[in-house]
N, C-alpha and C. Protein backbone atom coordinates (compact mmCIF):
# COMPACT_ATOMS: atom_id res chain seq x y z
N UNK A 1 0.76 -0.93 0.16
CA UNK A 1 -0.24 0.03 0.03
C UNK A 1 0.71 0.86 0.33
N UNK A 2 0.39 1.99 -0.71
CA UNK A 2 1.03 3.70 -0.99
C UNK A 2 1.08 4.41 0.32
N UNK A 3 2.16 4.93 0.51
CA UNK A 3 1.82 5.72 2.01
C UNK A 3 2.12 7.44 1.45
N UNK A 4 1.30 7.86 2.15
CA UNK A 4 0.89 9.58 1.33
C UNK A 4 2.79 10.55 2.22
N UNK A 5 3.05 11.62 1.60
CA UNK A 5 4.07 11.36 2.16
C UNK A 5 3.75 13.41 3.05
N UNK A 6 3.91 13.28 4.00
CA UNK A 6 2.47 13.93 4.49
C UNK A 6 3.82 15.10 4.88
N UNK A 7 5.24 15.21 4.49
CA UNK A 7 6.00 16.15 4.73
C UNK A 7 6.22 17.07 3.50
N UNK A 8 4.92 17.06 2.33
CA UNK A 8 5.10 18.06 1.38
C UNK A 8 4.02 19.11 1.64
N UNK A 9 2.99 19.32 2.10
CA UNK A 9 2.82 20.57 3.15
C UNK A 9 3.69 20.70 3.95
N UNK A 10 3.41 22.11 4.05
CA UNK A 10 4.00 22.83 5.67
C UNK A 10 2.89 24.23 5.48
N UNK A 11 2.90 24.34 6.92
CA UNK A 11 2.62 25.39 7.24
C UNK A 11 2.27 26.37 6.99
N UNK A 12 1.58 27.39 7.06
CA UNK A 12 1.48 28.97 6.40
C UNK A 12 0.28 29.52 7.54
N UNK A 13 -0.40 30.52 6.99
CA UNK A 13 -1.08 31.53 7.74
C UNK A 13 -2.63 32.05 6.83
N UNK A 14 -2.78 32.76 7.44
CA UNK A 14 -4.60 32.89 6.75
C UNK A 14 -4.49 33.87 5.31
N UNK A 15 -3.10 34.79 5.36
CA UNK A 15 -3.41 35.75 4.42
C UNK A 15 -2.40 35.58 3.41
N UNK A 16 -1.79 34.05 3.38
CA UNK A 16 -0.77 33.34 2.03
C UNK A 16 -1.81 31.86 1.47
N UNK A 17 -1.94 32.46 0.63
CA UNK A 17 -2.85 31.45 -0.27
C UNK A 17 -1.57 30.16 -0.33
N UNK A 18 -1.82 28.83 -0.55
CA UNK A 18 -0.55 28.48 -0.25
C UNK A 18 -1.16 27.33 -1.99
N UNK A 19 0.34 26.82 -2.37
CA UNK A 19 -0.17 25.96 -4.05
C UNK A 19 -1.57 24.45 -3.50
N UNK A 20 -1.17 24.40 -2.82
CA UNK A 20 -2.27 22.98 -1.95
C UNK A 20 -3.75 23.36 -2.47
N UNK A 21 -3.79 24.81 -2.75
CA UNK A 21 -5.41 25.35 -2.26
C UNK A 21 -5.45 25.59 -3.44
N UNK A 22 -4.98 25.34 -4.26
CA UNK A 22 -5.21 25.39 -6.21
C UNK A 22 -6.81 24.77 -6.42
N UNK A 23 -5.93 23.33 -6.71
CA UNK A 23 -7.68 22.71 -6.61
C UNK A 23 -8.65 22.55 -6.52
N UNK A 24 -8.61 23.28 -5.14
CA UNK A 24 -9.84 23.03 -3.92
C UNK A 24 -11.07 24.13 -4.38
N UNK A 25 -10.76 25.13 -5.14
CA UNK A 25 -10.74 26.34 -5.45
C UNK A 25 -11.90 26.71 -6.07
N UNK A 26 -12.38 25.74 -7.11
CA UNK A 26 -14.02 25.98 -7.45
C UNK A 26 -14.45 25.53 -6.73
N UNK A 27 -13.88 24.60 -6.21
CA UNK A 27 -15.09 23.46 -5.85
C UNK A 27 -16.35 23.85 -4.94
N UNK A 28 -17.46 22.64 -4.00
CA UNK A 28 -18.22 23.41 -3.54
C UNK A 28 -17.79 22.85 -1.38
N UNK A 29 -18.60 22.99 -0.91
CA UNK A 29 -18.30 22.63 0.47
C UNK A 29 -18.45 21.67 0.54
N UNK A 30 -19.19 20.73 -0.68
CA UNK A 30 -19.75 18.75 -0.45
C UNK A 30 -18.46 18.59 -0.67
N UNK A 31 -18.94 19.18 -2.32
CA UNK A 31 -17.46 18.39 -2.99
C UNK A 31 -16.26 18.20 -2.01
N UNK A 32 -15.56 18.93 -1.45
CA UNK A 32 -14.12 19.16 -0.69
C UNK A 32 -14.11 17.62 0.81
N UNK A 33 -15.70 17.90 1.19
CA UNK A 33 -15.95 16.75 2.44
C UNK A 33 -15.53 15.81 1.59
N UNK A 34 -15.89 15.51 0.36
CA UNK A 34 -16.25 13.81 -0.16
C UNK A 34 -14.41 13.69 -0.23
N UNK A 35 -12.98 15.03 -0.88
CA UNK A 35 -11.85 15.23 -1.10
C UNK A 35 -11.33 14.36 1.13
N UNK A 36 -12.21 15.61 1.58
CA UNK A 36 -11.44 15.21 2.83
C UNK A 36 -11.79 13.99 3.35
N UNK A 37 -13.10 13.59 3.54
CA UNK A 37 -13.10 11.45 3.62
C UNK A 37 -12.41 10.67 3.10
N UNK A 38 -12.18 10.92 1.64
CA UNK A 38 -10.93 9.75 1.08
C UNK A 38 -9.33 10.31 2.50
N UNK A 39 -8.89 11.11 2.17
CA UNK A 39 -8.27 11.49 2.00
C UNK A 39 -8.28 11.05 3.53
N UNK A 40 -9.00 11.21 5.00
CA UNK A 40 -8.80 10.93 5.98
C UNK A 40 -8.69 9.12 5.86
N UNK A 41 -9.72 9.03 5.27
CA UNK A 41 -9.64 7.05 5.09
C UNK A 41 -8.40 6.91 4.50
N UNK A 42 -7.81 7.19 3.89
CA UNK A 42 -6.42 6.75 3.22
C UNK A 42 -5.35 6.89 4.13
N UNK A 43 -5.26 7.87 4.81
CA UNK A 43 -4.01 8.48 5.75
C UNK A 43 -4.35 7.67 6.99
N UNK A 44 -6.21 7.11 7.45
CA UNK A 44 -5.76 6.10 8.69
C UNK A 44 -6.43 4.85 8.43
N UNK A 45 -6.14 4.40 7.41
CA UNK A 45 -6.47 2.97 7.34
C UNK A 45 -8.00 2.55 7.45
N UNK A 46 -8.67 2.89 6.86
CA UNK A 46 -9.93 2.20 6.79
C UNK A 46 -10.84 2.81 5.88
N UNK A 47 -11.54 1.77 5.78
CA UNK A 47 -12.29 1.61 4.34
C UNK A 47 -13.38 2.94 4.52
N UNK A 48 -13.20 3.50 2.82
CA UNK A 48 -13.71 5.08 2.18
C UNK A 48 -15.63 4.57 3.55
N UNK A 49 -16.09 5.39 4.11
CA UNK A 49 -17.81 5.53 4.20
C UNK A 49 -17.39 4.73 5.84
N UNK A 50 -16.68 3.86 6.24
CA UNK A 50 -16.59 3.14 8.04
C UNK A 50 -15.42 3.61 8.25
N UNK A 51 -16.07 4.57 8.91
CA UNK A 51 -14.59 5.32 9.75
C UNK A 51 -14.69 4.28 10.88
N UNK A 52 -13.47 3.78 12.08
CA UNK A 52 -13.76 3.92 13.27
C UNK A 52 -14.30 4.45 14.11
N UNK A 53 -15.60 3.93 14.88
CA UNK A 53 -16.12 4.38 15.79
C UNK A 53 -15.61 3.86 17.22
N UNK A 54 -15.23 5.93 17.52
CA UNK A 54 -14.26 5.92 19.01
C UNK A 54 -14.84 5.77 20.11
N UNK A 55 -14.22 4.89 20.94
CA UNK A 55 -14.73 4.44 22.34
C UNK A 55 -14.56 5.53 23.58
N UNK A 56 -16.12 6.30 23.04
CA UNK A 56 -16.85 7.10 24.47
C UNK A 56 -16.80 6.87 25.81
N UNK A 57 -16.33 5.57 25.76
CA UNK A 57 -17.02 4.90 27.49
C UNK A 57 -15.91 5.68 28.16
N UNK A 58 -14.13 5.89 27.65
CA UNK A 58 -13.46 6.68 28.55
C UNK A 58 -13.62 8.04 28.84
N UNK A 59 -14.93 8.79 28.46
CA UNK A 59 -14.72 9.83 28.90
C UNK A 59 -15.74 9.97 29.24
N UNK A 60 -16.41 8.25 30.65
CA UNK A 60 -17.88 8.54 30.94
C UNK A 60 -17.80 9.16 32.41
N UNK A 61 -18.33 9.84 32.56
CA UNK A 61 -18.13 10.58 34.49
C UNK A 61 -19.15 9.71 35.68
N UNK A 62 -19.58 8.62 35.28
CA UNK A 62 -20.37 7.59 36.12
C UNK A 62 -19.46 7.39 36.15
N UNK A 63 -19.30 6.93 37.61
CA UNK A 63 -19.08 6.45 38.69
C UNK A 63 -19.50 4.87 39.03
N UNK A 64 -18.30 3.90 39.37
CA UNK A 64 -18.56 2.43 39.35
C UNK A 64 -19.32 2.21 40.78
């Protein structure tokens, strides 16, 4: 399986337009959300549309 190159992107600020943004300029929010979901599925190695469930029991405030 191919790995993502996490060194490609760099941090910036609000006033600089990064070259990574250019492909997304004409997209609607729904299209960007689909791209984001795909990239998350690839980077965290889960099937697209089936993200892993979060274990919420660790945040429980109930006393045993």
